[in-house]
């Protein structure tokens, strides 16, 4: 696997992480594997078992990323250019009871936060997937550990 994490400071309270991986599959297949509910559940299990989403991947649509029993995140699709780019703008947290928090000082310290996926078509039917993610600094170490596992699972599903 050729994934490469890095990070850089984005602003106070959050940082930006960068990951990339080359997958031996065409860009369309990687795109659909990223976003279809069944395969999404599989590759995102590295973040939380039984992860899922509710909502739409359409540009401008609201989407909720959920870990049943644990809550999740409220977001909006900021931009979508199939099959090359999707930008998720995280807006708030959802607690285990389904209550959305977009206004607490804790949430305002790191929102809005973007999670961008860029898919680059390479030769021989390969795709480079680049992830750029704004994250609260408190979660940086955890994400540095989880993203490589998630990308390895995605690669396995695509290949």
C-alpha atoms as a PDB file:
ATOM      1  CA  UNK A   1       0.000   0.000   0.000  1.00  0.00           C
ATOM      2  CA  UNK A   2       1.330   3.424  -0.845  1.00  0.00           C
ATOM      3  CA  UNK A   3      -0.455   5.733   1.523  1.00  0.00           C
ATOM      4  CA  UNK A   4       1.264   8.786   2.857  1.00  0.00           C
ATOM      5  CA  UNK A   5      -0.078  10.805   5.779  1.00  0.00           C
ATOM      6  CA  UNK A   6       1.033  14.302   6.632  1.00  0.00           C
ATOM      7  CA  UNK A   7      -0.353  17.256   8.512  1.00  0.00           C
ATOM      8  CA  UNK A   8      -0.097  21.001   8.563  1.00  0.00           C
ATOM      9  CA  UNK A   9      -1.559  23.642  10.820  1.00  0.00           C
ATOM     10  CA  UNK A  10      -4.837  25.088   9.488  1.00  0.00           C
ATOM     11  CA  UNK A  11      -5.854  27.430  12.345  1.00  0.00           C
ATOM     12  CA  UNK A  12      -6.192  27.535  16.110  1.00  0.00           C
ATOM     13  CA  UNK A  13      -8.172  24.518  17.350  1.00  0.00           C
ATOM     14  CA  UNK A  14      -7.797  22.531  14.152  1.00  0.00           C
ATOM     15  CA  UNK A  15      -5.199  21.144  11.827  1.00  0.00           C
ATOM     16  CA  UNK A  16      -5.281  19.749   8.306  1.00  0.00           C
ATOM     17  CA  UNK A  17      -4.339  16.157   7.577  1.00  0.00           C
ATOM     18  CA  UNK A  18      -3.328  14.823   4.166  1.00  0.00           C
ATOM     19  CA  UNK A  19      -3.417  11.221   2.986  1.00  0.00           C
ATOM     20  CA  UNK A  20      -3.025   9.567  -0.395  1.00  0.00           C
ATOM     21  CA  UNK A  21      -3.176   6.070  -1.789  1.00  0.00           C
ATOM     22  CA  UNK A  22      -2.882   4.533  -5.242  1.00  0.00           C
ATOM     23  CA  UNK A  23      -5.564   1.978  -6.044  1.00  0.00           C
ATOM     24  CA  UNK A  24      -5.431  -0.507  -8.925  1.00  0.00           C
ATOM     25  CA  UNK A  25      -8.931   0.327 -10.141  1.00  0.00           C
ATOM     26  CA  UNK A  26     -10.509   2.893 -12.464  1.00  0.00           C
ATOM     27  CA  UNK A  27     -11.595   6.219 -10.982  1.00  0.00           C
ATOM     28  CA  UNK A  28     -15.332   5.478 -11.479  1.00  0.00           C
ATOM     29  CA  UNK A  29     -15.061   2.297  -9.438  1.00  0.00           C
ATOM     30  CA  UNK A  30     -13.178   4.057  -6.626  1.00  0.00           C
ATOM     31  CA  UNK A  31     -15.762   6.877  -6.635  1.00  0.00           C
ATOM     32  CA  UNK A  32     -18.706   4.493  -6.310  1.00  0.00           C
ATOM     33  CA  UNK A  33     -16.956   2.364  -3.693  1.00  0.00           C
ATOM     34  CA  UNK A  34     -16.328   5.489  -1.612  1.00  0.00           C
ATOM     35  CA  UNK A  35     -19.947   6.640  -1.666  1.00  0.00           C
ATOM     36  CA  UNK A  36     -22.283   3.640  -1.955  1.00  0.00           C
ATOM     37  CA  UNK A  37     -23.810   2.779   1.416  1.00  0.00           C
ATOM     38  CA  UNK A  38     -22.789  -0.903   1.505  1.00  0.00           C
ATOM     39  CA  UNK A  39     -19.136  -0.304   0.653  1.00  0.00           C
ATOM     40  CA  UNK A  40     -19.030   2.958   2.659  1.00  0.00           C
ATOM     41  CA  UNK A  41     -19.965   0.933   5.767  1.00  0.00           C
ATOM     42  CA  UNK A  42     -17.084  -1.448   5.091  1.00  0.00           C
ATOM     43  CA  UNK A  43     -14.224   0.990   4.525  1.00  0.00           C
ATOM     44  CA  UNK A  44     -15.327   3.399   7.276  1.00  0.00           C
ATOM     45  CA  UNK A  45     -15.455   0.627   9.894  1.00  0.00           C
ATOM     46  CA  UNK A  46     -11.889   1.724  10.724  1.00  0.00           C
ATOM     47  CA  UNK A  47     -13.424   4.877  12.237  1.00  0.00           C
ATOM     48  CA  UNK A  48     -16.445   3.265  13.903  1.00  0.00           C
ATOM     49  CA  UNK A  49     -18.079  -0.143  13.470  1.00  0.00           C
ATOM     50  CA  UNK A  50     -21.396   0.047  11.593  1.00  0.00           C
ATOM     51  CA  UNK A  51     -20.714   3.568  10.325  1.00  0.00           C
ATOM     52  CA  UNK A  52     -23.349   4.789   7.907  1.00  0.00           C
ATOM     53  CA  UNK A  53     -24.766   7.958   6.455  1.00  0.00           C
ATOM     54  CA  UNK A  54     -28.215   9.449   6.054  1.00  0.00           C
ATOM     55  CA  UNK A  55     -28.847  11.975   3.335  1.00  0.00           C
ATOM     56  CA  UNK A  56     -27.510  12.660  -0.106  1.00  0.00           C
ATOM     57  CA  UNK A  57     -24.113  13.107  -1.755  1.00  0.00           C
ATOM     58  CA  UNK A  58     -25.647  15.777  -4.035  1.00  0.00           C
ATOM     59  CA  UNK A  59     -23.965  19.184  -3.988  1.00  0.00           C
ATOM     60  CA  UNK A  60     -25.638  21.419  -1.385  1.00  0.00           C
ATOM     61  CA  UNK A  61     -27.363  18.501   0.369  1.00  0.00           C
ATOM     62  CA  UNK A  62     -27.242  17.833   4.084  1.00  0.00           C
ATOM     63  CA  UNK A  63     -25.729  14.538   5.124  1.00  0.00           C
ATOM     64  CA  UNK A  64     -25.335  12.899   8.529  1.00  0.00           C
ATOM     65  CA  UNK A  65     -22.423  10.569   9.232  1.00  0.00           C
ATOM     66  CA  UNK A  66     -23.470   8.220  12.022  1.00  0.00           C
ATOM     67  CA  UNK A  67     -22.071   5.541  14.261  1.00  0.00           C
ATOM     68  CA  UNK A  68     -25.162   3.851  15.710  1.00  0.00           C
ATOM     69  CA  UNK A  69     -25.332   4.332  19.474  1.00  0.00           C
ATOM     70  CA  UNK A  70     -22.453   6.820  19.438  1.00  0.00           C
ATOM     71  CA  UNK A  71     -23.733   9.823  17.481  1.00  0.00           C
ATOM     72  CA  UNK A  72     -21.916  11.370  14.562  1.00  0.00           C
ATOM     73  CA  UNK A  73     -21.465  14.487  12.463  1.00  0.00           C
ATOM     74  CA  UNK A  74     -23.749  16.847  10.571  1.00  0.00           C
ATOM     75  CA  UNK A  75     -22.351  18.004   7.235  1.00  0.00           C
ATOM     76  CA  UNK A  76     -23.210  19.471   3.875  1.00  0.00           C
ATOM     77  CA  UNK A  77     -21.825  18.532   0.471  1.00  0.00           C
ATOM     78  CA  UNK A  78     -19.978  21.737  -0.455  1.00  0.00           C
ATOM     79  CA  UNK A  79     -18.918  20.617  -3.923  1.00  0.00           C
ATOM     80  CA  UNK A  80     -19.281  17.544  -6.124  1.00  0.00           C
ATOM     81  CA  UNK A  81     -17.610  16.856  -9.463  1.00  0.00           C
ATOM     82  CA  UNK A  82     -18.171  13.182 -10.230  1.00  0.00           C
ATOM     83  CA  UNK A  83     -15.885  11.192 -10.416  1.00  0.00           C
ATOM     84  CA  UNK A  84     -13.007  13.517  -9.539  1.00  0.00           C
ATOM     85  CA  UNK A  85     -13.796  15.550  -6.415  1.00  0.00           C
ATOM     86  CA  UNK A  86     -16.158  15.774  -3.471  1.00  0.00           C
ATOM     87  CA  UNK A  87     -15.959  18.247  -0.600  1.00  0.00           C
ATOM     88  CA  UNK A  88     -17.758  17.643   2.680  1.00  0.00           C
ATOM     89  CA  UNK A  89     -18.244  20.638   4.976  1.00  0.00           C
ATOM     90  CA  UNK A  90     -18.657  19.462   8.571  1.00  0.00           C
ATOM     91  CA  UNK A  91     -21.028  21.715  10.476  1.00  0.00           C
ATOM     92  CA  UNK A  92     -21.560  20.074  13.853  1.00  0.00           C
ATOM     93  CA  UNK A  93     -21.778  17.048  16.088  1.00  0.00           C
ATOM     94  CA  UNK A  94     -24.700  14.711  16.711  1.00  0.00           C
ATOM     95  CA  UNK A  95     -24.896  13.077  20.144  1.00  0.00           C
ATOM     96  CA  UNK A  96     -26.013   9.490  20.820  1.00  0.00           C
ATOM     97  CA  UNK A  97     -29.608  10.730  21.268  1.00  0.00           C
ATOM     98  CA  UNK A  98     -29.632  12.420  17.856  1.00  0.00           C
ATOM     99  CA  UNK A  99     -29.309  15.982  19.189  1.00  0.00           C
ATOM    100  CA  UNK A 100     -27.362  18.229  16.806  1.00  0.00           C
ATOM    101  CA  UNK A 101     -24.811  20.723  18.186  1.00  0.00           C
ATOM    102  CA  UNK A 102     -23.586  23.392  15.767  1.00  0.00           C
ATOM    103  CA  UNK A 103     -23.216  26.220  18.263  1.00  0.00           C
ATOM    104  CA  UNK A 104     -21.301  25.146  21.368  1.00  0.00           C
ATOM    105  CA  UNK A 105     -17.845  26.668  21.902  1.00  0.00           C
ATOM    106  CA  UNK A 106     -16.320  23.196  21.471  1.00  0.00           C
ATOM    107  CA  UNK A 107     -17.885  22.765  18.013  1.00  0.00           C
ATOM    108  CA  UNK A 108     -17.299  26.375  16.930  1.00  0.00           C
ATOM    109  CA  UNK A 109     -13.577  25.909  17.707  1.00  0.00           C
ATOM    110  CA  UNK A 110     -13.170  23.564  14.703  1.00  0.00           C
ATOM    111  CA  UNK A 111     -16.090  24.263  12.344  1.00  0.00           C
ATOM    112  CA  UNK A 112     -16.524  24.713   9.543  1.00  0.00           C
ATOM    113  CA  UNK A 113     -14.185  21.870   8.736  1.00  0.00           C
ATOM    114  CA  UNK A 114     -13.724  20.414   5.269  1.00  0.00           C
ATOM    115  CA  UNK A 115     -12.999  16.842   4.214  1.00  0.00           C
ATOM    116  CA  UNK A 116     -12.002  16.748   0.545  1.00  0.00           C
ATOM    117  CA  UNK A 117     -11.568  13.699  -1.675  1.00  0.00           C
ATOM    118  CA  UNK A 118      -9.684  14.122  -4.950  1.00  0.00           C
ATOM    119  CA  UNK A 119      -9.548  11.188  -7.377  1.00  0.00           C
ATOM    120  CA  UNK A 120      -6.874  11.348 -10.060  1.00  0.00           C
ATOM    121  CA  UNK A 121      -6.954   8.935 -13.003  1.00  0.00           C
ATOM    122  CA  UNK A 122      -3.517   7.383 -13.578  1.00  0.00           C
ATOM    123  CA  UNK A 123      -2.202   5.122 -16.309  1.00  0.00           C
ATOM    124  CA  UNK A 124      -2.962   1.387 -16.438  1.00  0.00           C
ATOM    125  CA  UNK A 125      -6.410   1.845 -14.866  1.00  0.00           C
ATOM    126  CA  UNK A 126      -5.077   3.091 -11.558  1.00  0.00           C
ATOM    127  CA  UNK A 127      -6.469   5.892  -9.380  1.00  0.00           C
ATOM    128  CA  UNK A 128      -4.741   8.119  -6.866  1.00  0.00           C
ATOM    129  CA  UNK A 129      -7.045   9.123  -4.014  1.00  0.00           C
ATOM    130  CA  UNK A 130      -6.052  12.177  -2.006  1.00  0.00           C
ATOM    131  CA  UNK A 131      -7.743  13.121   1.255  1.00  0.00           C
ATOM    132  CA  UNK A 132      -7.400  16.578   2.801  1.00  0.00           C
ATOM    133  CA  UNK A 133      -9.190  16.857   6.134  1.00  0.00           C
ATOM    134  CA  UNK A 134      -9.576  19.650   8.652  1.00  0.00           C
ATOM    135  CA  UNK A 135      -9.699  18.108  12.110  1.00  0.00           C
ATOM    136  CA  UNK A 136      -9.806  19.300  15.699  1.00  0.00           C
ATOM    137  CA  UNK A 137      -6.253  19.053  17.029  1.00  0.00           C
ATOM    138  CA  UNK A 138      -7.476  16.799  19.854  1.00  0.00           C
ATOM    139  CA  UNK A 139      -8.338  14.136  17.245  1.00  0.00           C
ATOM    140  CA  UNK A 140      -5.212  14.398  15.073  1.00  0.00           C
ATOM    141  CA  UNK A 141      -3.337  11.403  16.514  1.00  0.00           C
ATOM    142  CA  UNK A 142      -6.435   9.215  16.351  1.00  0.00           C
ATOM    143  CA  UNK A 143      -7.075  10.149  12.703  1.00  0.00           C
ATOM    144  CA  UNK A 144      -3.401   9.589  11.798  1.00  0.00           C
ATOM    145  CA  UNK A 145      -3.938   6.015  13.014  1.00  0.00           C
ATOM    146  CA  UNK A 146      -7.414   5.403  11.560  1.00  0.00           C
ATOM    147  CA  UNK A 147      -7.088   6.835   8.037  1.00  0.00           C
ATOM    148  CA  UNK A 148      -4.416   4.382   6.832  1.00  0.00           C
ATOM    149  CA  UNK A 149      -6.618   1.488   8.004  1.00  0.00           C
ATOM    150  CA  UNK A 150      -9.666   2.940   6.257  1.00  0.00           C
ATOM    151  CA  UNK A 151      -7.732   3.504   3.036  1.00  0.00           C
ATOM    152  CA  UNK A 152      -6.345  -0.050   3.130  1.00  0.00           C
ATOM    153  CA  UNK A 153      -9.917  -1.351   3.449  1.00  0.00           C
ATOM    154  CA  UNK A 154     -11.051   0.868   0.556  1.00  0.00           C
ATOM    155  CA  UNK A 155      -8.170  -0.357  -1.589  1.00  0.00           C
ATOM    156  CA  UNK A 156      -9.077  -3.985  -0.861  1.00  0.00           C
ATOM    157  CA  UNK A 157     -12.729  -3.364  -1.792  1.00  0.00           C
ATOM    158  CA  UNK A 158     -11.761  -1.683  -5.075  1.00  0.00           C
ATOM    159  CA  UNK A 159      -9.107  -4.144  -6.193  1.00  0.00           C
END
